[in-house]
N, C-alpha and C. Protein backbone atom coordinates (compact mmCIF):
# COMPACT_ATOMS: atom_id res chain seq x y z
N MET A 1 -90.70 74.27 200.85
CA MET A 1 -91.06 73.09 199.63
C MET A 1 -92.59 73.12 200.11
N GLU A 2 -93.00 72.48 198.81
CA GLU A 2 -94.62 71.94 198.84
C GLU A 2 -95.05 70.78 198.27
N ALA A 3 -95.86 70.39 198.53
CA ALA A 3 -96.42 69.15 198.07
C ALA A 3 -97.65 69.16 197.24
N GLU A 4 -97.45 67.93 196.31
CA GLU A 4 -99.27 67.81 195.39
C GLU A 4 -100.13 67.64 196.80
N ASP A 5 -101.28 68.38 195.85
CA ASP A 5 -102.66 68.31 196.45
C ASP A 5 -102.50 68.66 198.05
N MET A 6 -101.16 69.33 198.18
CA MET A 6 -101.40 70.02 199.26
C MET A 6 -102.05 68.93 200.80
N ALA A 7 -102.03 68.49 201.14
CA ALA A 7 -102.92 67.39 201.92
C ALA A 7 -102.15 67.54 203.00
N GLU A 8 -100.54 68.05 203.02
CA GLU A 8 -99.66 68.10 204.34
C GLU A 8 -99.74 70.01 204.87
N GLN A 9 -100.50 70.96 203.79
CA GLN A 9 -100.49 72.67 204.28
C GLN A 9 -100.43 72.76 205.34
N HIS A 10 -100.46 73.95 206.04
CA HIS A 10 -101.11 74.36 206.86
C HIS A 10 -101.59 75.97 206.77
N ASP A 11 -103.01 76.05 207.37
CA ASP A 11 -103.04 77.70 207.39
C ASP A 11 -103.49 78.18 208.32
N HIS A 12 -103.71 79.20 208.49
CA HIS A 12 -103.02 79.35 209.32
C HIS A 12 -103.41 79.21 210.82
N GLU A 13 -104.48 77.90 211.38
CA GLU A 13 -104.77 77.88 212.71
C GLU A 13 -103.65 76.47 212.27
N HIS A 14 -102.89 75.75 211.69
CA HIS A 14 -102.68 74.94 210.93
C HIS A 14 -103.24 73.30 211.21
N GLU A 15 -104.15 73.80 210.88
CA GLU A 15 -105.08 72.62 210.75
C GLU A 15 -104.78 72.02 209.84
N HIS A 16 -104.78 69.97 209.67
CA HIS A 16 -104.74 69.48 208.35
C HIS A 16 -106.23 69.60 207.58
N ASP A 17 -106.70 69.86 206.88
CA ASP A 17 -107.56 69.36 205.72
C ASP A 17 -107.36 68.85 204.14
N VAL A 18 -107.84 67.70 204.36
CA VAL A 18 -107.63 67.11 202.63
C VAL A 18 -108.91 67.59 201.81
N GLU A 19 -109.05 68.13 201.49
CA GLU A 19 -110.01 68.52 200.34
C GLU A 19 -111.53 68.83 200.54
N GLY A 20 -111.64 69.60 201.93
CA GLY A 20 -112.82 69.01 202.61
C GLY A 20 -112.91 68.91 203.58
N ALA A 21 -112.52 67.68 203.71
CA ALA A 21 -112.75 66.64 204.84
C ALA A 21 -112.44 67.54 206.30
N ALA A 22 -113.55 66.87 207.08
CA ALA A 22 -112.87 67.71 208.37
C ALA A 22 -111.51 67.23 208.54
N PRO A 23 -111.13 68.04 209.71
CA PRO A 23 -109.72 68.45 210.05
C PRO A 23 -109.43 66.96 211.17
N GLU A 24 -108.31 66.34 210.89
CA GLU A 24 -107.60 65.61 211.25
C GLU A 24 -107.76 66.02 213.03
N ALA A 25 -107.37 64.83 214.18
CA ALA A 25 -106.66 65.42 215.22
C ALA A 25 -105.87 65.90 215.55
N PRO A 26 -105.67 66.43 216.71
CA PRO A 26 -104.18 67.42 216.32
C PRO A 26 -103.24 66.30 216.76
N ALA A 27 -101.93 65.95 215.93
CA ALA A 27 -100.60 65.36 215.87
C ALA A 27 -100.09 65.58 217.02
N LYS A 28 -99.13 64.77 217.34
CA LYS A 28 -98.13 65.02 217.98
C LYS A 28 -97.19 65.85 217.58
N VAL A 29 -96.58 67.15 217.96
CA VAL A 29 -95.91 67.93 217.59
C VAL A 29 -94.75 68.15 218.48
N ILE A 30 -93.14 67.94 217.05
CA ILE A 30 -92.01 67.72 217.96
C ILE A 30 -91.20 69.25 217.24
N GLY A 31 -91.33 70.13 218.78
CA GLY A 31 -91.01 72.12 218.03
C GLY A 31 -92.06 72.84 219.17
N GLU A 32 -91.82 74.23 218.92
CA GLU A 32 -92.47 74.98 219.31
C GLU A 32 -93.15 75.58 217.90
N GLU A 33 -94.52 76.33 218.24
CA GLU A 33 -95.03 76.91 217.41
C GLU A 33 -94.45 78.24 217.53
N PRO A 34 -94.47 79.18 215.77
CA PRO A 34 -93.72 80.20 216.10
C PRO A 34 -94.77 81.28 216.28
N ASP A 35 -94.49 82.54 216.86
CA ASP A 35 -95.22 83.61 217.62
C ASP A 35 -95.86 84.22 216.27
N LEU A 36 -97.15 83.83 215.78
CA LEU A 36 -97.86 84.57 214.42
C LEU A 36 -97.82 86.03 214.46
N SER A 37 -97.87 86.74 215.97
CA SER A 37 -98.18 88.17 215.87
C SER A 37 -96.44 89.01 215.67
N LYS A 38 -95.39 88.06 215.42
CA LYS A 38 -94.23 88.59 214.86
C LYS A 38 -93.68 87.98 213.37
N GLY A 39 -93.20 88.91 213.08
CA GLY A 39 -92.87 88.90 211.36
C GLY A 39 -93.68 89.28 210.38
N THR A 40 -93.18 89.67 208.69
CA THR A 40 -93.74 89.77 208.25
C THR A 40 -93.34 89.09 206.53
N ALA A 41 -94.85 88.75 205.85
CA ALA A 41 -94.59 87.51 205.03
C ALA A 41 -93.97 88.81 203.70
N ARG A 42 -93.19 87.44 203.50
CA ARG A 42 -92.28 88.55 202.04
C ARG A 42 -92.65 87.90 200.79
N PRO A 43 -92.85 88.21 199.56
CA PRO A 43 -92.71 87.31 198.42
C PRO A 43 -91.93 86.24 197.77
N ILE A 44 -92.08 85.25 197.75
CA ILE A 44 -90.99 84.20 196.75
C ILE A 44 -90.45 84.61 195.76
N THR A 45 -88.81 84.43 196.14
CA THR A 45 -88.11 84.07 194.62
C THR A 45 -88.21 83.14 194.10
N VAL A 46 -88.14 83.31 192.65
CA VAL A 46 -88.37 82.15 192.08
C VAL A 46 -87.22 81.33 190.97
N VAL A 47 -87.00 80.20 190.31
CA VAL A 47 -86.11 80.05 189.63
C VAL A 47 -85.83 80.82 188.78
N GLY A 48 -84.63 81.07 188.13
CA GLY A 48 -83.96 82.41 187.89
C GLY A 48 -83.20 82.92 188.89
N ASN A 49 -84.10 83.32 189.54
CA ASN A 49 -82.95 84.15 190.60
C ASN A 49 -81.50 84.16 191.10
N PRO A 50 -80.66 84.45 191.06
CA PRO A 50 -79.21 84.29 190.93
C PRO A 50 -79.12 83.63 192.58
N VAL A 51 -79.77 84.32 193.58
CA VAL A 51 -79.79 84.01 194.93
C VAL A 51 -79.89 82.37 195.05
N LEU A 52 -81.16 81.62 194.10
CA LEU A 52 -81.33 80.28 193.95
C LEU A 52 -80.29 79.61 193.60
N HIS A 53 -79.46 80.00 192.49
CA HIS A 53 -78.47 78.80 192.43
C HIS A 53 -76.84 79.54 192.37
N ARG A 54 -76.74 79.51 193.79
CA ARG A 54 -75.36 79.39 194.22
C ARG A 54 -75.61 79.00 195.40
N GLU A 55 -74.26 78.56 196.13
CA GLU A 55 -74.29 78.27 197.55
C GLU A 55 -74.47 79.93 198.34
N VAL A 56 -75.31 79.65 199.35
CA VAL A 56 -75.25 81.04 200.17
C VAL A 56 -74.27 81.04 201.11
N LYS A 57 -74.25 82.43 202.19
CA LYS A 57 -73.11 82.66 203.23
C LYS A 57 -73.70 81.82 204.41
N ASP A 58 -73.08 81.47 204.86
CA ASP A 58 -73.00 81.34 206.40
C ASP A 58 -74.07 82.24 207.32
N VAL A 59 -74.10 81.85 208.33
CA VAL A 59 -74.40 82.71 209.38
C VAL A 59 -73.20 82.67 210.76
N THR A 60 -72.68 84.33 210.79
CA THR A 60 -72.11 84.47 211.29
C THR A 60 -72.66 85.18 212.67
N VAL A 61 -73.46 85.96 212.66
CA VAL A 61 -73.79 86.80 213.89
C VAL A 61 -75.26 86.49 214.19
N PHE A 62 -75.58 86.30 215.83
CA PHE A 62 -76.45 86.12 215.87
C PHE A 62 -77.32 87.11 216.80
N ASP A 63 -78.31 87.91 216.30
CA ASP A 63 -78.60 88.61 216.63
C ASP A 63 -80.47 89.15 216.65
N ALA A 64 -80.41 90.19 216.66
CA ALA A 64 -82.13 90.49 216.42
C ALA A 64 -82.74 90.54 215.18
N GLU A 65 -82.26 91.10 214.35
CA GLU A 65 -81.81 90.66 212.96
C GLU A 65 -82.03 89.39 212.51
N LEU A 66 -80.86 88.61 213.09
CA LEU A 66 -81.81 87.12 212.77
C LEU A 66 -82.73 86.59 213.36
N SER A 67 -82.87 86.57 214.26
CA SER A 67 -84.59 86.47 214.80
C SER A 67 -85.72 86.96 214.13
N THR A 68 -85.48 88.33 213.42
CA THR A 68 -86.31 88.51 212.41
C THR A 68 -86.44 88.05 211.48
N LEU A 69 -85.43 87.83 211.04
CA LEU A 69 -85.40 86.88 209.62
C LEU A 69 -86.60 85.91 209.74
N ILE A 70 -86.01 84.99 210.85
CA ILE A 70 -86.74 83.38 211.19
C ILE A 70 -88.34 84.01 211.38
N GLU A 71 -88.52 85.05 212.03
CA GLU A 71 -89.75 85.20 212.25
C GLU A 71 -90.95 85.65 210.54
N ASP A 72 -89.82 86.47 209.83
CA ASP A 72 -90.81 86.83 208.38
C ASP A 72 -90.87 85.20 207.76
N MET A 73 -89.78 84.34 207.69
CA MET A 73 -89.73 83.24 207.24
C MET A 73 -90.78 82.33 207.33
N PHE A 74 -91.25 82.47 208.69
CA PHE A 74 -91.98 81.42 209.01
C PHE A 74 -93.75 82.09 208.47
N GLN A 75 -93.25 83.46 208.38
CA GLN A 75 -95.10 84.21 207.93
C GLN A 75 -94.91 84.02 206.70
N SER A 76 -93.55 84.02 205.75
CA SER A 76 -93.65 83.71 204.57
C SER A 76 -94.39 82.63 203.89
N MET A 77 -93.83 81.33 204.66
CA MET A 77 -93.95 80.01 204.37
C MET A 77 -95.63 79.73 204.48
N TYR A 78 -95.96 80.45 205.72
CA TYR A 78 -97.58 80.23 206.22
C TYR A 78 -98.00 80.48 204.66
N ALA A 79 -97.49 82.26 204.19
CA ALA A 79 -98.80 82.71 203.46
C ALA A 79 -98.65 81.52 202.26
N ALA A 80 -97.79 81.49 201.85
CA ALA A 80 -97.21 80.43 200.71
C ALA A 80 -98.26 79.23 201.07
N GLU A 81 -98.23 78.85 202.14
CA GLU A 81 -99.32 77.44 201.85
C GLU A 81 -97.88 76.44 201.63
N GLY A 82 -97.14 76.78 202.46
CA GLY A 82 -95.45 75.77 202.55
C GLY A 82 -95.70 74.88 203.69
N VAL A 83 -94.32 73.73 203.39
CA VAL A 83 -93.87 73.45 204.80
C VAL A 83 -92.31 73.21 205.15
N GLY A 84 -91.96 73.95 204.12
CA GLY A 84 -90.66 74.41 204.42
C GLY A 84 -90.22 75.83 203.41
N LEU A 85 -89.03 76.42 204.28
CA LEU A 85 -88.83 77.64 203.37
C LEU A 85 -87.56 78.19 203.56
N ALA A 86 -86.40 78.08 202.64
CA ALA A 86 -85.21 78.06 202.96
C ALA A 86 -84.99 79.82 202.62
N ALA A 87 -84.11 80.49 203.67
CA ALA A 87 -83.65 82.29 203.25
C ALA A 87 -83.41 82.39 201.68
N ASN A 88 -82.91 81.96 201.18
CA ASN A 88 -82.64 82.77 199.74
C ASN A 88 -84.03 82.50 198.85
N GLN A 89 -84.63 81.67 199.73
CA GLN A 89 -86.00 82.16 198.78
C GLN A 89 -87.25 83.44 199.18
N ILE A 90 -86.53 83.84 199.76
CA ILE A 90 -86.92 85.40 200.39
C ILE A 90 -85.92 86.28 199.39
N GLY A 91 -85.05 85.55 199.08
CA GLY A 91 -84.02 86.98 198.26
C GLY A 91 -82.72 86.87 199.69
N VAL A 92 -82.49 86.17 200.60
CA VAL A 92 -81.68 86.47 201.83
C VAL A 92 -80.43 85.33 201.73
N ASP A 93 -79.78 86.19 201.15
CA ASP A 93 -78.16 85.07 201.09
C ASP A 93 -77.48 84.74 202.35
N LEU A 94 -78.00 84.00 203.43
CA LEU A 94 -77.90 83.28 204.73
C LEU A 94 -78.38 82.04 204.61
N LYS A 95 -77.50 80.66 205.16
CA LYS A 95 -77.92 79.62 205.10
C LYS A 95 -78.78 79.27 206.55
N VAL A 96 -80.08 79.73 206.31
CA VAL A 96 -80.83 79.43 207.30
C VAL A 96 -82.49 78.70 206.71
N PHE A 97 -83.46 77.77 207.33
CA PHE A 97 -84.19 77.32 206.76
C PHE A 97 -85.51 77.54 207.76
N VAL A 98 -86.15 77.08 207.65
CA VAL A 98 -87.56 76.77 208.71
C VAL A 98 -88.74 75.79 207.77
N TYR A 99 -89.16 75.36 209.02
CA TYR A 99 -90.27 74.13 208.95
C TYR A 99 -91.04 73.80 209.37
N ASP A 100 -92.25 73.41 208.88
CA ASP A 100 -93.49 73.23 209.74
C ASP A 100 -93.97 71.99 208.98
N CYS A 101 -93.42 70.60 209.34
CA CYS A 101 -93.77 69.46 208.34
C CYS A 101 -94.42 68.41 208.81
N PRO A 102 -95.40 67.64 208.20
CA PRO A 102 -95.65 66.09 209.48
C PRO A 102 -94.92 65.31 208.53
N ASP A 103 -94.45 64.32 209.41
CA ASP A 103 -93.46 62.85 208.92
C ASP A 103 -94.91 61.91 208.16
N ASP A 104 -94.49 61.01 207.97
CA ASP A 104 -95.48 60.17 207.39
C ASP A 104 -95.64 59.46 208.73
N GLU A 105 -95.78 59.30 209.66
CA GLU A 105 -96.66 58.69 210.86
C GLU A 105 -97.51 60.23 211.47
N GLY A 106 -97.78 60.99 210.37
CA GLY A 106 -98.50 62.26 211.00
C GLY A 106 -98.01 63.06 212.11
N VAL A 107 -96.59 62.89 212.67
CA VAL A 107 -96.30 63.61 213.52
C VAL A 107 -95.93 65.00 212.70
N ARG A 108 -96.23 65.92 213.80
CA ARG A 108 -95.81 67.39 212.75
C ARG A 108 -94.24 68.10 213.58
N HIS A 109 -93.59 68.34 212.54
CA HIS A 109 -92.45 68.64 212.94
C HIS A 109 -91.92 70.39 212.59
N ILE A 110 -91.72 71.16 214.04
CA ILE A 110 -91.80 72.57 213.48
C ILE A 110 -90.52 73.37 213.99
N GLY A 111 -90.00 73.90 213.17
CA GLY A 111 -88.25 74.21 213.85
C GLY A 111 -87.53 75.34 212.88
N HIS A 112 -86.77 75.24 213.37
CA HIS A 112 -85.05 76.06 211.73
C HIS A 112 -83.91 75.63 211.98
N VAL A 113 -83.08 75.70 211.25
CA VAL A 113 -81.93 74.99 211.13
C VAL A 113 -81.01 76.03 210.48
N ILE A 114 -80.02 76.71 211.52
CA ILE A 114 -78.92 77.74 210.83
C ILE A 114 -77.73 77.24 210.48
N ASN A 115 -76.73 77.04 209.45
CA ASN A 115 -76.20 76.55 208.83
C ASN A 115 -75.72 75.14 208.91
N PRO A 116 -77.00 74.28 207.71
CA PRO A 116 -77.19 73.15 207.77
C PRO A 116 -76.21 72.31 207.30
N LYS A 117 -75.80 71.46 207.75
CA LYS A 117 -75.25 70.22 207.12
C LYS A 117 -75.74 69.08 206.92
N LEU A 118 -75.81 67.84 206.26
CA LEU A 118 -76.35 66.76 205.91
C LEU A 118 -75.50 65.77 206.70
N GLU A 119 -75.81 65.19 207.34
CA GLU A 119 -75.03 63.76 207.53
C GLU A 119 -75.15 62.49 206.87
N GLU A 120 -73.86 62.01 206.60
CA GLU A 120 -73.99 60.71 205.92
C GLU A 120 -75.28 59.57 206.20
N TYR A 121 -75.55 58.93 205.24
CA TYR A 121 -76.86 58.10 205.55
C TYR A 121 -76.37 56.92 206.22
N PRO A 122 -77.06 56.84 207.12
CA PRO A 122 -76.73 55.55 208.30
C PRO A 122 -75.99 54.21 207.62
N ALA A 123 -75.11 54.13 208.20
CA ALA A 123 -74.31 52.72 207.31
C ALA A 123 -75.10 51.34 207.87
N ASP A 124 -76.05 51.91 209.00
CA ASP A 124 -76.63 50.75 209.62
C ASP A 124 -78.22 50.42 209.56
N ARG A 125 -78.54 51.24 208.53
CA ARG A 125 -79.60 51.38 208.39
C ARG A 125 -80.02 51.19 206.64
N ARG A 126 -81.30 50.46 206.53
CA ARG A 126 -81.39 50.32 205.00
C ARG A 126 -81.74 51.07 204.69
N ARG A 127 -81.12 51.32 203.20
CA ARG A 127 -81.73 52.47 202.48
C ARG A 127 -82.73 52.06 201.31
N GLU A 128 -84.13 53.11 201.46
CA GLU A 128 -84.70 52.97 200.86
C GLU A 128 -85.57 54.25 200.32
N LEU A 129 -85.55 54.74 199.16
CA LEU A 129 -86.08 55.59 198.33
C LEU A 129 -87.83 56.01 197.96
N ASP A 130 -87.90 56.91 198.48
CA ASP A 130 -89.10 57.55 198.14
C ASP A 130 -89.62 58.41 197.02
N ASP A 131 -90.50 57.57 196.26
CA ASP A 131 -89.99 58.44 194.85
C ASP A 131 -91.31 59.16 194.47
N SER A 132 -92.41 59.84 195.96
CA SER A 132 -92.95 60.74 195.55
C SER A 132 -92.79 62.39 194.81
N ASN A 133 -94.14 62.39 194.44
CA ASN A 133 -94.15 63.77 193.72
C ASN A 133 -92.97 64.90 194.46
N GLU A 134 -92.77 66.10 194.16
CA GLU A 134 -92.29 67.09 194.95
C GLU A 134 -92.43 68.49 194.22
N GLY A 135 -92.46 69.08 194.95
CA GLY A 135 -92.82 70.46 194.58
C GLY A 135 -92.17 71.88 195.28
N CYS A 136 -92.04 72.75 194.97
CA CYS A 136 -91.50 73.99 194.94
C CYS A 136 -91.87 75.19 195.43
N LEU A 137 -92.08 75.92 196.47
CA LEU A 137 -92.41 77.54 196.28
C LEU A 137 -91.05 78.27 195.20
N SER A 138 -90.34 78.10 195.06
CA SER A 138 -89.55 78.90 194.05
C SER A 138 -89.79 78.52 192.55
N VAL A 139 -90.57 77.24 192.62
CA VAL A 139 -91.77 76.49 190.91
C VAL A 139 -92.25 76.60 191.55
N PRO A 140 -93.49 77.70 191.04
CA PRO A 140 -94.85 77.57 191.59
C PRO A 140 -95.37 76.42 190.40
N THR A 141 -96.24 75.88 191.35
CA THR A 141 -97.49 75.35 190.61
C THR A 141 -96.89 74.09 189.44
N ALA A 142 -95.96 73.82 189.91
CA ALA A 142 -95.33 72.74 189.28
C ALA A 142 -94.70 71.51 189.92
N TYR A 143 -94.99 70.20 190.09
CA TYR A 143 -94.29 69.35 190.63
C TYR A 143 -94.11 67.82 189.40
N ALA A 144 -93.13 66.99 189.91
CA ALA A 144 -92.29 65.68 189.61
C ALA A 144 -91.88 65.18 190.46
N GLU A 145 -91.90 64.16 189.98
CA GLU A 145 -91.29 62.64 190.84
C GLU A 145 -90.10 62.39 191.04
N LEU A 146 -89.66 63.04 192.26
CA LEU A 146 -88.41 62.41 192.26
C LEU A 146 -87.79 61.77 193.51
N PRO A 147 -87.04 60.97 193.39
CA PRO A 147 -86.89 59.78 194.28
C PRO A 147 -85.50 60.43 195.26
N ARG A 148 -86.00 60.21 196.76
CA ARG A 148 -85.36 61.02 197.78
C ARG A 148 -85.00 59.86 198.81
N PRO A 149 -83.88 59.91 199.55
CA PRO A 149 -83.80 58.61 200.56
C PRO A 149 -85.23 58.96 202.08
N ASP A 150 -85.55 58.04 202.93
CA ASP A 150 -86.90 57.98 203.47
C ASP A 150 -86.39 58.17 204.79
N TYR A 151 -84.99 58.60 205.06
CA TYR A 151 -84.47 59.55 205.92
C TYR A 151 -83.45 60.17 205.59
N ALA A 152 -83.42 61.54 206.67
CA ALA A 152 -82.55 62.44 206.91
C ALA A 152 -81.95 62.44 207.97
N ALA A 153 -80.77 63.41 208.19
CA ALA A 153 -80.60 63.68 209.60
C ALA A 153 -80.01 65.24 209.00
N VAL A 154 -79.89 66.59 209.77
CA VAL A 154 -79.04 67.48 209.51
C VAL A 154 -78.60 67.66 210.98
N THR A 155 -76.99 68.84 211.07
CA THR A 155 -76.41 69.31 212.14
C THR A 155 -76.82 70.71 211.39
N GLY A 156 -76.45 71.54 212.67
CA GLY A 156 -76.46 72.87 212.53
C GLY A 156 -76.25 73.71 214.04
N VAL A 157 -77.02 74.77 213.79
CA VAL A 157 -76.96 75.55 215.32
C VAL A 157 -78.34 76.66 215.19
N ASP A 158 -79.01 76.69 216.37
CA ASP A 158 -80.71 77.24 216.45
C ASP A 158 -80.19 78.98 216.12
N LYS A 159 -80.59 79.68 216.26
CA LYS A 159 -80.88 81.42 216.52
C LYS A 159 -79.87 81.85 217.14
N ASP A 160 -79.72 80.93 218.82
CA ASP A 160 -78.39 81.49 219.69
C ASP A 160 -77.72 81.12 219.60
N GLY A 161 -77.03 80.05 218.22
CA GLY A 161 -76.24 79.76 218.27
C GLY A 161 -75.70 78.19 218.89
N GLN A 162 -77.17 77.85 219.46
CA GLN A 162 -76.63 76.39 219.84
C GLN A 162 -76.97 75.33 218.48
N PRO A 163 -75.84 74.25 218.97
CA PRO A 163 -76.03 73.04 218.32
C PRO A 163 -77.38 72.40 218.41
N ILE A 164 -77.78 72.15 217.33
CA ILE A 164 -79.13 71.27 217.41
C ILE A 164 -78.97 70.17 216.08
N ARG A 165 -79.68 69.12 216.50
CA ARG A 165 -79.42 67.85 215.17
C ARG A 165 -81.29 67.61 214.99
N VAL A 166 -81.52 67.49 213.42
CA VAL A 166 -82.77 67.28 213.70
C VAL A 166 -83.02 65.94 212.30
N GLU A 167 -83.70 65.11 212.37
CA GLU A 167 -83.85 63.74 211.67
C GLU A 167 -85.25 63.54 211.02
N GLY A 168 -85.29 62.92 210.37
CA GLY A 168 -86.79 62.95 210.28
C GLY A 168 -86.84 61.73 209.02
N THR A 169 -88.03 61.05 208.74
CA THR A 169 -88.34 60.45 208.00
C THR A 169 -89.97 60.46 207.10
N GLY A 170 -89.59 59.88 205.86
CA GLY A 170 -90.63 59.71 204.35
C GLY A 170 -90.90 61.35 204.38
N PHE A 171 -92.10 62.05 204.37
CA PHE A 171 -92.11 63.65 203.92
C PHE A 171 -91.04 64.28 204.56
N PHE A 172 -91.33 64.39 205.55
CA PHE A 172 -90.27 65.02 206.64
C PHE A 172 -88.21 64.79 206.35
N ALA A 173 -88.16 63.96 205.98
CA ALA A 173 -86.98 63.78 205.41
C ALA A 173 -86.96 64.46 203.78
N ARG A 174 -87.57 64.30 202.84
CA ARG A 174 -87.83 64.99 201.73
C ARG A 174 -87.57 66.63 202.34
N CYS A 175 -88.58 66.84 202.90
CA CYS A 175 -88.32 68.32 203.40
C CYS A 175 -86.90 68.45 203.72
N LEU A 176 -86.24 68.11 205.02
CA LEU A 176 -84.89 68.31 205.28
C LEU A 176 -84.09 68.12 204.24
N LEU A 177 -84.12 67.65 203.40
CA LEU A 177 -83.21 66.93 201.57
C LEU A 177 -83.27 68.49 201.33
N HIS A 178 -84.48 68.78 200.76
CA HIS A 178 -84.92 69.94 200.20
C HIS A 178 -84.67 71.31 200.20
N GLU A 179 -84.87 71.56 201.81
CA GLU A 179 -84.52 72.44 201.98
C GLU A 179 -82.63 72.94 202.36
N THR A 180 -82.01 72.14 202.56
CA THR A 180 -80.71 71.71 202.64
C THR A 180 -80.33 72.19 201.15
N ASP A 181 -80.78 71.03 200.27
CA ASP A 181 -80.21 71.74 199.10
C ASP A 181 -80.51 73.34 198.53
N HIS A 182 -81.68 73.46 198.86
CA HIS A 182 -81.51 75.08 198.35
C HIS A 182 -80.62 76.24 198.73
N LEU A 183 -79.87 75.85 199.98
CA LEU A 183 -78.95 76.99 200.79
C LEU A 183 -77.63 76.75 199.99
N TYR A 184 -77.68 75.71 199.50
CA TYR A 184 -76.26 75.05 198.53
C TYR A 184 -76.53 75.51 196.82
N GLY A 185 -77.66 75.74 196.95
CA GLY A 185 -77.63 76.32 195.76
C GLY A 185 -78.72 75.07 194.31
N THR A 186 -79.07 74.46 195.24
CA THR A 186 -79.63 73.35 194.57
C THR A 186 -81.25 73.19 194.40
N LEU A 187 -82.18 73.41 193.17
CA LEU A 187 -83.42 73.30 193.36
C LEU A 187 -83.53 72.06 193.21
N TYR A 188 -84.69 71.44 193.32
CA TYR A 188 -85.30 70.41 193.01
C TYR A 188 -85.04 69.66 191.55
N ILE A 189 -86.05 70.47 191.13
CA ILE A 189 -85.93 70.60 189.13
C ILE A 189 -84.34 70.09 188.75
N ASP A 190 -83.63 70.49 189.38
CA ASP A 190 -82.02 70.32 189.27
C ASP A 190 -81.41 69.09 189.11
N LYS A 191 -82.17 68.47 190.15
CA LYS A 191 -82.19 66.66 189.77
C LYS A 191 -82.85 65.83 188.99
N LEU A 192 -83.73 66.12 188.15
CA LEU A 192 -84.30 65.99 187.43
C LEU A 192 -83.48 65.49 186.12
N SER A 193 -84.20 64.46 185.14
CA SER A 193 -84.25 64.29 183.75
C SER A 193 -84.14 65.91 183.27
N LYS A 194 -83.48 65.59 181.89
CA LYS A 194 -83.85 66.89 181.44
C LYS A 194 -84.94 67.33 180.90
N ARG A 195 -85.65 65.85 180.38
CA ARG A 195 -87.08 65.93 180.21
C ARG A 195 -88.52 66.34 181.07
N ASP A 196 -88.24 65.62 182.64
CA ASP A 196 -88.38 66.28 183.32
C ASP A 196 -88.61 67.27 183.49
N ARG A 197 -87.41 68.34 183.97
CA ARG A 197 -87.41 69.45 184.51
C ARG A 197 -87.96 70.30 183.32
N LYS A 198 -88.28 69.99 182.13
CA LYS A 198 -88.28 70.67 180.98
C LYS A 198 -89.79 70.98 181.06
N ASP A 199 -90.71 69.56 181.24
CA ASP A 199 -91.86 69.69 181.82
C ASP A 199 -92.36 70.21 182.81
N ALA A 200 -91.40 70.38 184.09
CA ALA A 200 -91.72 71.05 185.34
C ALA A 200 -91.78 72.93 184.79
N LEU A 201 -90.49 73.21 184.12
CA LEU A 201 -90.91 74.53 184.21
C LEU A 201 -92.04 74.76 183.32
N LYS A 202 -92.47 73.98 182.17
CA LYS A 202 -93.15 73.84 181.46
C LYS A 202 -94.52 74.68 182.24
N GLN A 203 -94.97 73.61 183.36
CA GLN A 203 -96.11 73.56 184.27
C GLN A 203 -96.12 75.12 184.96
N MET A 204 -94.63 75.57 185.61
CA MET A 204 -94.70 76.34 186.04
C MET A 204 -95.27 77.74 185.39
N ALA A 205 -94.45 77.82 184.00
CA ALA A 205 -95.29 78.72 183.39
C ALA A 205 -96.34 79.06 182.44
N GLU A 206 -97.48 78.06 183.04
CA GLU A 206 -98.96 77.35 182.32
C GLU A 206 -99.48 78.03 183.91
N GLY A 207 -99.08 77.68 184.94
CA GLY A 207 -99.71 78.03 186.35
C GLY A 207 -99.82 79.61 186.88
N THR A 208 -100.27 79.57 187.51
CA THR A 208 -100.39 80.90 188.36
C THR A 208 -100.39 80.72 189.73
N PRO A 209 -99.20 80.87 190.17
CA PRO A 209 -99.04 80.69 191.87
C PRO A 209 -100.34 81.54 192.43
N LYS A 210 -100.72 81.22 193.38
CA LYS A 210 -101.92 81.52 194.59
C LYS A 210 -101.12 82.47 196.03
N TYR A 211 -99.85 82.86 195.58
CA TYR A 211 -99.04 83.90 196.74
C TYR A 211 -97.92 84.63 195.80
N ALA A 212 -97.30 85.83 196.57
CA ALA A 212 -96.60 86.51 195.49
C ALA A 212 -95.42 86.45 195.56
N THR A 213 -94.95 86.52 193.93
CA THR A 213 -93.36 86.06 194.17
C THR A 213 -93.14 87.64 193.47
N VAL A 214 -91.74 87.16 193.28
CA VAL A 214 -90.78 88.19 192.91
C VAL A 214 -90.40 88.07 191.55
N PRO A 215 -90.73 88.76 190.44
CA PRO A 215 -90.25 89.08 189.18
C PRO A 215 -89.06 88.87 188.71
N ASN A 216 -88.56 87.95 188.50
CA ASN A 216 -87.20 87.87 187.93
C ASN A 216 -87.06 88.65 186.25
N VAL A 217 -85.91 89.89 186.57
CA VAL A 217 -85.90 90.90 185.40
C VAL A 217 -84.90 90.68 184.38
């Protein structure tokens, strides 16, 4: 996932930088930064690639190959200057996503979720929608307003098969929803009106991504 203006993007030192302004003070971090001496960046699959348009497979084997995939996903996400990435966005047919994403309070969340499932919105929480712009590494250079709940929680497991639960608000909630959608075959543009979807695809056609992509054949 990406965001318009990319104020939330991270460079390889993971500093926030808003249009040349001085980096902000380090935010509170929830999670552990990945070891960037490991992993290899892979090109990003884009809309039209079949792996993005169907539910991918559950992870059933928790081994070194899975750990390497997660390392590659973090490298790929940072290379594309994103804040979240699902495995099918690098062509892998498995339910895994990684994230390094701030919430609206400036707290930085880092981690991965395997076989994620969205929880129902809490009945005791007032439901509010955030209609901010949304972007996607698999729909490069395109953005559109998309209302999303201001809170989300997912359950799943980590790379060792241990149960985990991740919750977020604001922009991080949008990230959790966006990446989980990916693994079930839904892109954010699929939630837009026909007119807005057409406009997003036009933006993509007219733009040039700043990162390597896999051409559809």
